[in-house]
PDB file of all heavy atoms in Angstrom:
ATOM      1  N   VAL A   1     222.137 134.568  -5.860  1.00  0.00           N
ATOM      2  CA  VAL A   1     223.457 134.829  -5.332  1.00  0.00           C
ATOM      3  C   VAL A   1     223.483 134.409  -3.836  1.00  0.00           C
ATOM      4  O   VAL A   1     222.468 134.466  -3.161  1.00  0.00           O
ATOM      5  CB  VAL A   1     223.830 136.383  -5.429  1.00  0.00           C
ATOM      6  CG1 VAL A   1     224.043 136.728  -6.894  1.00  0.00           C
ATOM      7  CG2 VAL A   1     222.794 137.232  -4.843  1.00  0.00           C
ATOM      8  N   VAL A   2     224.581 133.880  -3.422  1.00  0.00           N
ATOM      9  CA  VAL A   2     224.709 133.303  -2.047  1.00  0.00           C
ATOM     10  C   VAL A   2     225.967 134.015  -1.446  1.00  0.00           C
ATOM     11  O   VAL A   2     226.887 134.401  -2.175  1.00  0.00           O
ATOM     12  CB  VAL A   2     224.880 131.823  -2.034  1.00  0.00           C
ATOM     13  CG1 VAL A   2     223.579 131.168  -2.518  1.00  0.00           C
ATOM     14  CG2 VAL A   2     226.050 131.305  -2.786  1.00  0.00           C
ATOM     15  N   PRO A   3     225.944 134.143  -0.152  1.00  0.00           N
ATOM     16  CA  PRO A   3     227.127 134.761   0.486  1.00  0.00           C
ATOM     17  C   PRO A   3     228.461 133.954   0.205  1.00  0.00           C
ATOM     18  O   PRO A   3     228.415 132.753   0.290  1.00  0.00           O
ATOM     19  CB  PRO A   3     226.812 134.681   1.989  1.00  0.00           C
ATOM     20  CG  PRO A   3     225.302 134.571   2.054  1.00  0.00           C
ATOM     21  CD  PRO A   3     224.931 133.794   0.859  1.00  0.00           C
ATOM     22  N   PRO A   4     229.500 134.717  -0.138  1.00  0.00           N
ATOM     23  CA  PRO A   4     230.793 134.022  -0.378  1.00  0.00           C
ATOM     24  C   PRO A   4     231.233 133.183   0.818  1.00  0.00           C
ATOM     25  O   PRO A   4     231.105 133.622   1.932  1.00  0.00           O
ATOM     26  CB  PRO A   4     231.766 135.163  -0.657  1.00  0.00           C
ATOM     27  CG  PRO A   4     230.879 136.359  -0.976  1.00  0.00           C
ATOM     28  CD  PRO A   4     229.603 136.171  -0.250  1.00  0.00           C
ATOM     29  N   GLY A   5     231.644 131.961   0.502  1.00  0.00           N
ATOM     30  CA  GLY A   5     232.125 131.139   1.550  1.00  0.00           C
ATOM     31  C   GLY A   5     231.125 130.394   2.439  1.00  0.00           C
ATOM     32  O   GLY A   5     231.404 129.582   3.236  1.00  0.00           O
ATOM     33  N   ASP A   6     229.804 130.634   2.109  1.00  0.00           N
ATOM     34  CA  ASP A   6     228.706 129.968   2.829  1.00  0.00           C
ATOM     35  C   ASP A   6     228.337 128.709   2.090  1.00  0.00           C
ATOM     36  O   ASP A   6     227.495 128.672   1.177  1.00  0.00           O
ATOM     37  CB  ASP A   6     227.497 130.879   2.925  1.00  0.00           C
ATOM     38  CG  ASP A   6     226.401 130.365   3.843  1.00  0.00           C
ATOM     39  OD1 ASP A   6     226.374 129.116   4.006  1.00  0.00           O
ATOM     40  OD2 ASP A   6     225.610 131.185   4.317  1.00  0.00           O
ATOM     41  N   VAL A   7     228.992 127.569   2.473  1.00  0.00           N
ATOM     42  CA  VAL A   7     228.779 126.309   1.735  1.00  0.00           C
ATOM     43  C   VAL A   7     227.393 125.797   1.888  1.00  0.00           C
ATOM     44  O   VAL A   7     226.823 125.267   0.954  1.00  0.00           O
ATOM     45  CB  VAL A   7     229.781 125.269   2.327  1.00  0.00           C
ATOM     46  CG1 VAL A   7     229.553 123.916   1.735  1.00  0.00           C
ATOM     47  CG2 VAL A   7     231.183 125.760   2.082  1.00  0.00           C
ATOM     48  N   THR A   8     226.773 126.048   3.057  1.00  0.00           N
ATOM     49  CA  THR A   8     225.366 125.587   3.256  1.00  0.00           C
ATOM     50  C   THR A   8     224.395 126.340   2.354  1.00  0.00           C
ATOM     51  O   THR A   8     223.558 125.687   1.718  1.00  0.00           O
ATOM     52  CB  THR A   8     224.939 125.817   4.730  1.00  0.00           C
ATOM     53  OG1 THR A   8     225.844 125.114   5.523  1.00  0.00           O
ATOM     54  CG2 THR A   8     223.558 125.314   4.973  1.00  0.00           C
ATOM     55  N   ALA A   9     224.576 127.631   2.217  1.00  0.00           N
ATOM     56  CA  ALA A   9     223.698 128.429   1.307  1.00  0.00           C
ATOM     57  C   ALA A   9     223.922 128.019  -0.112  1.00  0.00           C
ATOM     58  O   ALA A   9     222.994 127.883  -0.929  1.00  0.00           O
ATOM     59  CB  ALA A   9     223.927 129.945   1.525  1.00  0.00           C
ATOM     60  N   LEU A  10     225.198 127.749  -0.518  1.00  0.00           N
ATOM     61  CA  LEU A  10     225.485 127.363  -1.859  1.00  0.00           C
ATOM     62  C   LEU A  10     224.867 125.991  -2.161  1.00  0.00           C
ATOM     63  O   LEU A  10     224.223 125.806  -3.177  1.00  0.00           O
ATOM     64  CB  LEU A  10     226.981 127.302  -2.118  1.00  0.00           C
ATOM     65  CG  LEU A  10     227.434 126.800  -3.423  1.00  0.00           C
ATOM     66  CD1 LEU A  10     226.954 127.676  -4.567  1.00  0.00           C
ATOM     67  CD2 LEU A  10     228.999 126.705  -3.449  1.00  0.00           C
ATOM     68  N   SER A  11     224.960 125.064  -1.199  1.00  0.00           N
ATOM     69  CA  SER A  11     224.392 123.699  -1.378  1.00  0.00           C
ATOM     70  C   SER A  11     222.883 123.790  -1.572  1.00  0.00           C
ATOM     71  O   SER A  11     222.345 123.172  -2.413  1.00  0.00           O
ATOM     72  CB  SER A  11     224.721 122.886  -0.170  1.00  0.00           C
ATOM     73  OG  SER A  11     224.154 121.606  -0.314  1.00  0.00           O
ATOM     74  N   ARG A  12     222.212 124.642  -0.745  1.00  0.00           N
ATOM     75  CA  ARG A  12     220.786 124.818  -0.840  1.00  0.00           C
ATOM     76  C   ARG A  12     220.383 125.434  -2.252  1.00  0.00           C
ATOM     77  O   ARG A  12     219.468 124.952  -2.850  1.00  0.00           O
ATOM     78  CB  ARG A  12     220.297 125.677   0.252  1.00  0.00           C
ATOM     79  CG  ARG A  12     220.139 125.017   1.587  1.00  0.00           C
ATOM     80  CD  ARG A  12     219.333 125.954   2.574  1.00  0.00           C
ATOM     81  NE  ARG A  12     219.626 125.505   3.900  1.00  0.00           N
ATOM     82  CZ  ARG A  12     220.189 126.193   4.877  1.00  0.00           C
ATOM     83  NH1 ARG A  12     220.409 127.434   4.661  1.00  0.00           N
ATOM     84  NH2 ARG A  12     220.427 125.716   6.053  1.00  0.00           N
ATOM     85  N   ALA A  13     221.110 126.448  -2.599  1.00  0.00           N
ATOM     86  CA  ALA A  13     220.815 127.145  -3.833  1.00  0.00           C
ATOM     87  C   ALA A  13     220.988 126.203  -5.008  1.00  0.00           C
ATOM     88  O   ALA A  13     220.138 126.231  -5.966  1.00  0.00           O
ATOM     89  CB  ALA A  13     221.666 128.418  -4.000  1.00  0.00           C
ATOM     90  N   LEU A  14     222.084 125.412  -5.004  1.00  0.00           N
ATOM     91  CA  LEU A  14     222.294 124.495  -6.063  1.00  0.00           C
ATOM     92  C   LEU A  14     221.252 123.368  -6.113  1.00  0.00           C
ATOM     93  O   LEU A  14     220.783 122.982  -7.194  1.00  0.00           O
ATOM     94  CB  LEU A  14     223.667 123.879  -5.950  1.00  0.00           C
ATOM     95  CG  LEU A  14     224.828 124.778  -6.254  1.00  0.00           C
ATOM     96  CD1 LEU A  14     226.169 124.089  -5.926  1.00  0.00           C
ATOM     97  CD2 LEU A  14     224.813 125.305  -7.729  1.00  0.00           C
ATOM     98  N   GLY A  15     220.793 122.950  -4.897  1.00  0.00           N
ATOM     99  CA  GLY A  15     219.737 121.967  -4.842  1.00  0.00           C
ATOM    100  C   GLY A  15     218.440 122.476  -5.434  1.00  0.00           C
ATOM    101  O   GLY A  15     217.769 121.765  -6.220  1.00  0.00           O
ATOM    102  N   VAL A  16     218.039 123.728  -5.091  1.00  0.00           N
ATOM    103  CA  VAL A  16     216.861 124.355  -5.677  1.00  0.00           C
ATOM    104  C   VAL A  16     217.025 124.448  -7.221  1.00  0.00           C
ATOM    105  O   VAL A  16     216.098 124.208  -7.946  1.00  0.00           O
ATOM    106  CB  VAL A  16     216.578 125.723  -4.988  1.00  0.00           C
ATOM    107  CG1 VAL A  16     215.520 126.421  -5.765  1.00  0.00           C
ATOM    108  CG2 VAL A  16     216.149 125.509  -3.513  1.00  0.00           C
ATOM    109  N   ALA A  17     218.197 124.935  -7.676  1.00  0.00           N
ATOM    110  CA  ALA A  17     218.455 125.146  -9.119  1.00  0.00           C
ATOM    111  C   ALA A  17     218.350 123.804  -9.826  1.00  0.00           C
ATOM    112  O   ALA A  17     217.703 123.767 -10.896  1.00  0.00           O
ATOM    113  CB  ALA A  17     219.809 125.760  -9.324  1.00  0.00           C
ATOM    114  N   LEU A  18     218.849 122.712  -9.307  1.00  0.00           N
ATOM    115  CA  LEU A  18     218.745 121.447  -9.911  1.00  0.00           C
ATOM    116  C   LEU A  18     217.275 120.914  -9.951  1.00  0.00           C
ATOM    117  O   LEU A  18     216.841 120.363 -10.966  1.00  0.00           O
ATOM    118  CB  LEU A  18     219.656 120.442  -9.242  1.00  0.00           C
ATOM    119  CG  LEU A  18     221.142 120.656  -9.426  1.00  0.00           C
ATOM    120  CD1 LEU A  18     221.998 119.763  -8.536  1.00  0.00           C
ATOM    121  CD2 LEU A  18     221.529 120.380 -10.922  1.00  0.00           C
ATOM    122  N   ALA A  19     216.592 121.086  -8.868  1.00  0.00           N
ATOM    123  CA  ALA A  19     215.228 120.689  -8.851  1.00  0.00           C
ATOM    124  C   ALA A  19     214.329 121.505  -9.846  1.00  0.00           C
ATOM    125  O   ALA A  19     213.533 120.938 -10.510  1.00  0.00           O
ATOM    126  CB  ALA A  19     214.639 120.866  -7.420  1.00  0.00           C
ATOM    127  N   ASP A  20     214.614 122.796  -9.844  1.00  0.00           N
ATOM    128  CA  ASP A  20     213.902 123.683 -10.808  1.00  0.00           C
ATOM    129  C   ASP A  20     214.244 123.262 -12.299  1.00  0.00           C
ATOM    130  O   ASP A  20     213.337 123.204 -13.115  1.00  0.00           O
ATOM    131  CB  ASP A  20     214.325 125.195 -10.684  1.00  0.00           C
ATOM    132  CG  ASP A  20     213.680 125.767  -9.430  1.00  0.00           C
ATOM    133  OD1 ASP A  20     212.817 125.140  -8.779  1.00  0.00           O
ATOM    134  OD2 ASP A  20     214.060 126.909  -9.112  1.00  0.00           O
ATOM    135  N   ALA A  21     215.496 122.885 -12.530  1.00  0.00           N
ATOM    136  CA  ALA A  21     215.865 122.468 -13.860  1.00  0.00           C
ATOM    137  C   ALA A  21     215.121 121.222 -14.253  1.00  0.00           C
ATOM    138  O   ALA A  21     214.658 121.056 -15.357  1.00  0.00           O
ATOM    139  CB  ALA A  21     217.354 122.285 -13.951  1.00  0.00           C
ATOM    140  N   ALA A  22     214.994 120.248 -13.297  1.00  0.00           N
ATOM    141  CA  ALA A  22     214.347 118.998 -13.595  1.00  0.00           C
ATOM    142  C   ALA A  22     212.846 119.209 -13.866  1.00  0.00           C
ATOM    143  O   ALA A  22     212.218 118.542 -14.679  1.00  0.00           O
ATOM    144  CB  ALA A  22     214.498 118.076 -12.358  1.00  0.00           C
ATOM    145  N   GLU A  23     212.289 120.246 -13.189  1.00  0.00           N
ATOM    146  CA  GLU A  23     210.818 120.484 -13.329  1.00  0.00           C
ATOM    147  C   GLU A  23     210.527 121.559 -14.347  1.00  0.00           C
ATOM    148  O   GLU A  23     209.360 121.758 -14.767  1.00  0.00           O
ATOM    149  CB  GLU A  23     210.255 120.931 -11.992  1.00  0.00           C
ATOM    150  CG  GLU A  23     210.341 119.895 -10.883  1.00  0.00           C
ATOM    151  CD  GLU A  23     209.419 118.666 -11.192  1.00  0.00           C
ATOM    152  OE1 GLU A  23     208.266 118.939 -11.725  1.00  0.00           O
ATOM    153  OE2 GLU A  23     209.848 117.527 -10.909  1.00  0.00           O
ATOM    154  N   GLY A  24     211.562 122.349 -14.778  1.00  0.00           N
ATOM    155  CA  GLY A  24     211.323 123.412 -15.734  1.00  0.00           C
ATOM    156  C   GLY A  24     210.533 124.547 -15.068  1.00  0.00           C
ATOM    157  O   GLY A  24     209.760 125.191 -15.769  1.00  0.00           O
ATOM    158  N   CYS A  25     210.835 124.776 -13.845  1.00  0.00           N
ATOM    159  CA  CYS A  25     210.127 125.838 -13.138  1.00  0.00           C
ATOM    160  C   CYS A  25     211.104 126.777 -12.436  1.00  0.00           C
ATOM    161  O   CYS A  25     212.293 126.641 -12.560  1.00  0.00           O
ATOM    162  CB  CYS A  25     209.142 125.252 -12.087  1.00  0.00           C
ATOM    163  SG  CYS A  25     209.966 124.343 -10.814  1.00  0.00           S
ATOM    164  N   GLY A  26     210.585 127.806 -11.755  1.00  0.00           N
ATOM    165  CA  GLY A  26     211.440 128.744 -10.996  1.00  0.00           C
ATOM    166  C   GLY A  26     212.384 129.404 -11.941  1.00  0.00           C
ATOM    167  O   GLY A  26     211.996 129.838 -13.020  1.00  0.00           O
ATOM    168  N   GLN A  27     213.666 129.435 -11.492  1.00  0.00           N
ATOM    169  CA  GLN A  27     214.693 130.155 -12.301  1.00  0.00           C
ATOM    170  C   GLN A  27     214.994 129.388 -13.577  1.00  0.00           C
ATOM    171  O   GLN A  27     215.490 129.959 -14.591  1.00  0.00           O
ATOM    172  CB  GLN A  27     215.957 130.230 -11.477  1.00  0.00           C
ATOM    173  CG  GLN A  27     217.064 131.058 -12.102  1.00  0.00           C
ATOM    174  CD  GLN A  27     218.330 131.037 -11.365  1.00  0.00           C
ATOM    175  OE1 GLN A  27     218.555 130.237 -10.405  1.00  0.00           O
ATOM    176  NE2 GLN A  27     219.280 131.886 -11.727  1.00  0.00           N
ATOM    177  N   SER A  28     214.533 128.149 -13.719  1.00  0.00           N
ATOM    178  CA  SER A  28     214.772 127.348 -14.932  1.00  0.00           C
ATOM    179  C   SER A  28     213.512 127.269 -15.824  1.00  0.00           C
ATOM    180  O   SER A  28     213.476 126.462 -16.749  1.00  0.00           O
ATOM    181  CB  SER A  28     215.224 125.963 -14.557  1.00  0.00           C
ATOM    182  OG  SER A  28     216.549 126.021 -14.077  1.00  0.00           O
ATOM    183  N   SER A  29     212.522 128.059 -15.438  1.00  0.00           N
ATOM    184  CA  SER A  29     211.338 128.104 -16.316  1.00  0.00           C
ATOM    185  C   SER A  29     211.666 128.692 -17.653  1.00  0.00           C
ATOM    186  O   SER A  29     212.585 129.555 -17.710  1.00  0.00           O
ATOM    187  CB  SER A  29     210.165 128.811 -15.664  1.00  0.00           C
ATOM    188  OG  SER A  29     210.488 130.200 -15.726  1.00  0.00           O
ATOM    189  N   PRO A  30     211.043 128.274 -18.753  1.00  0.00           N
ATOM    190  CA  PRO A  30     211.342 128.875 -19.997  1.00  0.00           C
ATOM    191  C   PRO A  30     211.307 130.418 -19.998  1.00  0.00           C
ATOM    192  O   PRO A  30     212.117 131.049 -20.624  1.00  0.00           O
ATOM    193  CB  PRO A  30     210.314 128.267 -20.996  1.00  0.00           C
ATOM    194  CG  PRO A  30     209.936 126.969 -20.343  1.00  0.00           C
ATOM    195  CD  PRO A  30     209.994 127.234 -18.849  1.00  0.00           C
TER     196      PRO A  30
END
C-alpha cells in the first residue's frame, strides 16, 4: 500500500512489483 496521491511511491512500488514478478520473488513468489 502506498499513500494516496503519492506518485513517486506508487512508481517505486510498481517498479518493485514488476521486478519481483519477472524474478518470481518477493510479493510475486509462489
